[in-house]
Protein backbone atom coordinates (compact mmCIF):
# COMPACT_ATOMS: atom_id res chain seq x y z
CA UNK A 1 -36.06 8.79 15.42
CA UNK A 2 -35.16 5.65 15.95
CA UNK A 3 -34.92 3.02 12.97
CA UNK A 4 -36.81 0.34 12.79
CA UNK A 5 -35.07 -2.63 10.21
CA UNK A 6 -36.76 -6.21 8.93
CA UNK A 7 -33.85 -8.33 8.14
CA UNK A 8 -34.75 -10.44 5.04
CA UNK A 9 -32.34 -13.52 5.69
CA UNK A 10 -31.13 -13.68 1.91
CA UNK A 11 -27.64 -14.84 1.87
CA UNK A 12 -25.23 -14.41 -1.65
CA UNK A 13 -21.20 -14.95 -1.07
CA UNK A 14 -18.50 -13.90 -2.85
CA UNK A 15 -14.78 -14.21 -3.04
CA UNK A 16 -13.87 -11.58 -0.14
CA UNK A 17 -16.57 -10.96 2.39
CA UNK A 18 -19.60 -12.82 2.60
CA UNK A 19 -22.91 -11.06 2.29
CA UNK A 20 -24.97 -11.75 4.73
CA UNK A 21 -28.17 -9.39 5.17
CA UNK A 22 -29.80 -7.26 3.06
CA UNK A 23 -32.42 -5.41 5.02
CA UNK A 24 -35.18 -2.92 4.08
CA UNK A 25 -35.72 0.17 5.67
CA UNK A 26 -39.23 0.17 7.55
CA UNK A 27 -38.78 3.84 7.97
CA UNK A 28 -39.79 4.88 4.43
CA UNK A 29 -40.57 3.73 1.17
CA UNK A 30 -37.97 1.13 0.22
CA UNK A 31 -37.48 -1.94 -1.99
CA UNK A 32 -36.42 -5.18 -0.27
CA UNK A 33 -33.24 -6.66 -1.76
CA UNK A 34 -32.69 -9.79 -2.58
CA UNK A 35 -30.63 -11.83 -5.10
CA UNK A 36 -32.71 -10.53 -8.08
CA UNK A 37 -32.71 -7.22 -6.99
CA UNK A 38 -30.12 -6.16 -4.00
CA UNK A 39 -29.18 -2.60 -5.52
CA UNK A 40 -32.57 -1.16 -4.93
CA UNK A 41 -33.32 2.01 -3.32
CA UNK A 42 -33.12 2.30 0.64
CA UNK A 43 -31.49 -1.41 0.60
CA UNK A 44 -28.98 -1.72 3.71
CA UNK A 45 -26.26 -4.31 2.73
CA UNK A 46 -24.04 -5.89 4.76
CA UNK A 47 -21.18 -7.61 4.18
CA UNK A 48 -19.21 -9.34 6.87
CA UNK A 49 -15.53 -10.24 6.47
CA UNK A 50 -14.73 -13.12 8.90
CA UNK A 51 -11.23 -13.52 7.71
CA UNK A 52 -10.51 -10.37 9.08
CA UNK A 53 -8.19 -9.89 12.55
CA UNK A 54 -10.42 -8.41 15.14
CA UNK A 55 -11.75 -4.46 14.98
CA UNK A 56 -11.06 -2.22 17.77
CA UNK A 57 -14.65 -2.47 18.66
CA UNK A 58 -14.21 -6.16 19.56
CA UNK A 59 -12.04 -6.29 21.31
CA UNK A 60 -12.64 -3.41 23.89
CA UNK A 61 -15.85 -4.93 24.23
CA UNK A 62 -15.26 -8.09 24.36
CA UNK A 63 -17.51 -9.03 21.74
CA UNK A 64 -16.83 -12.02 18.80
CA UNK A 65 -17.65 -10.27 15.82
CA UNK A 66 -16.58 -10.83 12.86
CA UNK A 67 -15.75 -7.21 10.86
CA UNK A 68 -18.22 -5.65 8.64
CA UNK A 69 -18.92 -3.35 6.29
CA UNK A 70 -22.02 -1.79 5.82
CA UNK A 71 -23.78 -0.06 2.39
CA UNK A 72 -26.86 2.22 2.70
CA UNK A 73 -28.13 2.64 -1.01
CA UNK A 74 -29.95 5.71 -0.81
CA UNK A 75 -33.72 6.48 -1.49
CA UNK A 76 -32.87 7.77 -5.49
CA UNK A 77 -30.93 5.34 -6.31
CA UNK A 78 -31.10 3.79 -9.66
CA UNK A 79 -28.99 1.43 -11.41
CA UNK A 80 -28.93 3.45 -14.44
CA UNK A 81 -27.16 6.47 -12.28
CA UNK A 82 -23.69 6.94 -11.08
CA UNK A 83 -24.21 7.61 -7.77
CA UNK A 84 -21.65 9.84 -5.05
CA UNK A 85 -19.89 8.18 -2.00
CA UNK A 86 -19.55 8.88 1.61
CA UNK A 87 -17.06 7.09 3.92
CA UNK A 88 -17.74 7.84 7.31
CA UNK A 89 -15.61 6.71 10.08
CA UNK A 90 -17.17 7.09 13.17
CA UNK A 91 -15.34 8.42 17.09
CA UNK A 92 -13.96 6.55 19.96
CA UNK A 93 -13.29 2.92 18.46
CA UNK A 94 -15.00 3.19 15.73
CA UNK A 95 -18.15 0.95 16.21
CA UNK A 96 -19.04 -2.81 14.76
CA UNK A 97 -19.62 -1.14 10.90
CA UNK A 98 -22.92 -0.73 10.69
CA UNK A 99 -23.42 3.05 12.30
CA UNK A 100 -24.83 5.14 9.47
CA UNK A 101 -26.35 7.63 11.70
CA UNK A 102 -24.37 10.33 11.29
CA UNK A 103 -23.46 9.74 7.45
CA UNK A 104 -26.82 8.94 6.34
CA UNK A 105 -27.73 11.83 8.60
CA UNK A 106 -25.62 14.41 6.33
CA UNK A 107 -27.25 13.08 3.41
CA UNK A 108 -30.58 12.85 4.00
CA UNK A 109 -30.78 9.51 2.29
CA UNK A 110 -29.80 11.13 -0.52
CA UNK A 111 -27.51 11.41 -3.51
CA UNK A 112 -25.17 9.76 -1.92
CA UNK A 113 -23.80 5.37 -1.19
CA UNK A 114 -22.75 5.65 2.42
CA UNK A 115 -20.89 3.54 4.04
CA UNK A 116 -19.54 2.32 7.06
CA UNK A 117 -16.59 0.63 8.40
CA UNK A 118 -15.12 -0.05 11.75
CA UNK A 119 -11.22 0.66 12.84
CA UNK A 120 -8.46 -1.57 13.73
CA UNK A 121 -5.73 -0.25 16.22
CA UNK A 122 -2.42 -2.73 17.03
CA UNK A 123 -2.83 -2.98 20.31
CA UNK A 124 -6.70 -2.41 21.20
CA UNK A 125 -6.23 -3.23 24.94
CA UNK A 126 -3.58 -0.83 25.13
CA UNK A 127 -4.02 2.62 27.75
CA UNK A 128 -3.80 4.64 24.63
CA UNK A 129 -7.07 4.80 22.50
CA UNK A 130 -6.22 7.36 20.06
CA UNK A 131 -5.52 6.11 16.36
CA UNK A 132 -2.39 6.94 15.27
CA UNK A 133 -0.29 6.68 12.00
CA UNK A 134 1.19 2.93 12.43
CA UNK A 135 -2.74 1.79 13.70
CA UNK A 136 -3.74 3.30 9.99
CA UNK A 137 -0.99 1.30 8.59
CA UNK A 138 -2.47 -1.84 9.71
CA UNK A 139 -5.78 -0.59 9.02
CA UNK A 140 -4.92 0.05 5.07
CA UNK A 141 -5.31 -3.76 4.08
CA UNK A 142 -8.64 -3.91 5.64
CA UNK A 143 -9.71 -0.77 4.61
CA UNK A 144 -8.54 -1.37 0.88
CA UNK A 145 -10.46 -4.89 1.01
CA UNK A 146 -14.20 -3.69 1.62
CA UNK A 147 -13.33 -0.36 -1.01
CA UNK A 148 -12.75 -3.48 -3.19
CA UNK A 149 -15.61 -5.37 -2.49
CA UNK A 150 -18.13 -1.85 -2.54
CA UNK A 151 -16.35 -1.47 -5.89
CA UNK A 152 -17.75 -4.73 -6.84
CA UNK A 153 -21.07 -5.06 -4.43
CA UNK A 154 -22.36 -1.37 -6.39
CA UNK A 155 -20.97 -0.88 -10.23
CA UNK A 156 -22.77 2.55 -10.68
CA UNK A 157 -21.00 4.67 -7.88
CA UNK A 158 -18.93 7.67 -8.99
CA UNK A 159 -15.75 6.85 -9.51
CA UNK A 160 -14.67 10.88 -9.16
CA UNK A 161 -16.90 12.09 -6.56
CA UNK A 162 -15.83 9.60 -3.29
CA UNK A 163 -15.81 11.40 0.17
CA UNK A 164 -13.47 10.43 3.48
CA UNK A 165 -15.30 12.20 6.40
CA UNK A 166 -14.43 11.22 10.35
CA UNK A 167 -14.92 12.99 13.71
CA UNK A 168 -12.33 12.49 16.33
CA UNK A 169 -10.58 8.93 16.71
CA UNK A 170 -12.34 8.88 12.63
CA UNK A 171 -10.60 12.07 11.46
CA UNK A 172 -7.30 10.27 13.03
CA UNK A 173 -7.89 7.23 11.29
CA UNK A 174 -8.98 8.92 7.70
CA UNK A 175 -5.52 11.27 8.29
CA UNK A 176 -3.54 8.17 8.68
CA UNK A 177 -5.08 6.46 6.45
CA UNK A 178 -4.32 9.56 3.60
CA UNK A 179 -0.59 9.17 5.05
CA UNK A 180 0.00 5.94 5.63
CA UNK A 181 -1.55 4.23 1.95
CA UNK A 182 1.36 5.35 -0.38
CA UNK A 183 -1.65 7.98 -1.43
CA UNK A 184 -3.72 5.60 -2.62
CA UNK A 185 -6.39 6.77 -0.56
CA UNK A 186 -5.47 10.39 -1.79
CA UNK A 187 -6.15 9.11 -5.34
CA UNK A 188 -9.79 7.36 -4.34
CA UNK A 189 -11.63 10.18 -2.86
CA UNK A 190 -12.11 13.42 -4.55
CA UNK A 191 -12.46 15.18 -0.58
CA UNK A 192 -12.02 14.66 3.28
CA UNK A 193 -13.71 16.48 5.78
CA UNK A 194 -12.65 16.12 9.63
CA UNK A 195 -14.36 16.88 12.55
CA UNK A 196 -12.48 17.82 15.74
CA UNK A 197 -9.04 15.39 14.52
CA UNK A 198 -6.75 14.64 12.55
CA UNK A 199 -4.41 17.34 13.36
CA UNK A 200 -1.26 14.81 12.78
CA UNK A 201 -1.66 15.03 9.17
CA UNK A 202 1.70 14.99 7.77
CA UNK A 203 1.55 15.12 3.89
CA UNK A 204 -0.79 17.88 3.05
CA UNK A 205 0.47 17.88 -0.36
CA UNK A 206 -2.05 15.18 -1.22
CA UNK A 207 -4.58 17.55 -0.26
CA UNK A 208 -3.93 19.55 -3.32
CA UNK A 209 -6.65 20.94 -5.45
CA UNK A 210 -9.61 18.77 -3.32
CA UNK A 211 -12.55 20.17 -0.98
CA UNK A 212 -11.28 19.92 2.26
CA UNK A 213 -14.01 21.00 5.50
CA UNK A 214 -12.12 21.06 8.75
CA UNK A 215 -15.19 21.25 11.73
CA UNK A 216 -14.42 22.86 15.15
CA UNK A 217 -17.41 21.92 18.50
CA UNK A 218 -15.69 24.26 20.86
CA UNK A 219 -13.39 27.24 21.98
CA UNK A 220 -10.65 25.22 23.31
CA UNK A 221 -9.97 23.26 19.74
CA UNK A 222 -10.77 26.02 17.48
CA UNK A 223 -7.46 27.44 17.37
CA UNK A 224 -5.93 24.29 16.09
CA UNK A 225 -8.52 23.18 13.77
CA UNK A 226 -7.66 26.80 12.14
CA UNK A 227 -4.22 25.92 11.96
CA UNK A 228 -4.94 22.75 10.55
CA UNK A 229 -7.40 24.33 7.75
CA UNK A 230 -4.70 27.30 7.00
CA UNK A 231 -1.73 24.83 6.39
CA UNK A 232 -4.44 22.73 3.67
CA UNK A 233 -4.82 26.03 1.48
CA UNK A 234 -1.20 26.93 1.52
CA UNK A 235 -0.66 22.95 0.41
CA UNK A 236 -3.73 24.29 -2.06
CA UNK A 237 -6.51 22.53 -1.00
CA UNK A 238 -10.42 23.75 -1.19
CA UNK A 239 -10.80 24.73 2.61
CA UNK A 240 -14.15 25.26 4.17
CA UNK A 241 -14.19 26.03 8.15
CA UNK A 242 -17.41 25.26 10.01
CA UNK A 243 -17.44 26.21 13.50
CA UNK A 244 -20.62 25.47 15.85
CA UNK A 245 -19.29 26.16 19.00
CA UNK A 246 -21.11 23.55 21.49
CA UNK A 247 -18.70 24.11 24.41
CA UNK A 248 -17.60 20.23 24.34
CA UNK A 249 -15.83 17.47 21.91
CA UNK A 250 -18.44 16.93 19.77
CA UNK A 251 -19.75 16.20 16.09
CA UNK A 252 -23.09 18.55 17.01
CA UNK A 253 -25.96 18.11 14.71
CA UNK A 254 -26.15 22.21 13.84
CA UNK A 255 -22.96 22.41 12.01
CA UNK A 256 -24.81 19.35 9.99
CA UNK A 257 -26.47 21.98 7.69
CA UNK A 258 -23.00 23.39 7.04
CA UNK A 259 -21.61 20.75 6.23
CA UNK A 260 -24.27 19.00 4.83
CA UNK A 261 -24.36 21.94 2.36
CA UNK A 262 -20.91 21.46 1.23
CA UNK A 263 -21.32 18.22 0.18
CA UNK A 264 -24.27 18.86 -1.76
CA UNK A 265 -21.68 20.91 -3.51
CA UNK A 266 -19.82 17.44 -4.33
CA UNK A 267 -23.15 16.81 -6.88
CA UNK A 268 -22.47 16.81 -10.04
CA UNK A 269 -23.61 20.31 -11.82
CA UNK A 270 -22.81 22.07 -8.62
């Protein structure tokens, strides 16, 4: 169902990044976010980072858009609780940093703080659109800054339960960030999932003792997905492989229940 947003013109400045709007989701009960109550159930928080280089999306689409991070607070959010985090990296050119559709669908708008960030490539105009390790290395400072802003913006995050996931090029970016951040991403995130990507991971040891989920959506990608899963298992990861054959490169909604159950197992008490 298409969501309609009522944008509230409430502004607040921060040391890094600018909280430019806090929209309230009119698709259900939610509290408008404002200076006195920006952390409210169902609130959307958008932070712009005009000092950052152009994103992959902005260059490829030839749009003058600042980098931004969008955060959705779950509908059962309370300031007194502690909430896990799901950072999901979208495929293709990564989008604007505002697309939370997959993350929110997986979480059903509950329990997890959902986060969308864009992708960066060293040369976004090049014919090779695949996110590679040098791109992830260049992306890491921006990603790190956004995560620091997230820590500042939402102080009651559950530090022990951060999940990093991505589809296609987003999975490649997640893999590159794990490999190219001197172990920082592996220390920050307690669980990882790749959907139809991420196959160039070199330091599988960084997944040791972590829940790791791999999703394949077609016969052609299944052997490589199994290989990735087996290698992660050999290095001590707690591996789950989900196969939902839709005959193409996709993150099929038919796979969402299995991924959702895996995410739910990350919650306290499970």
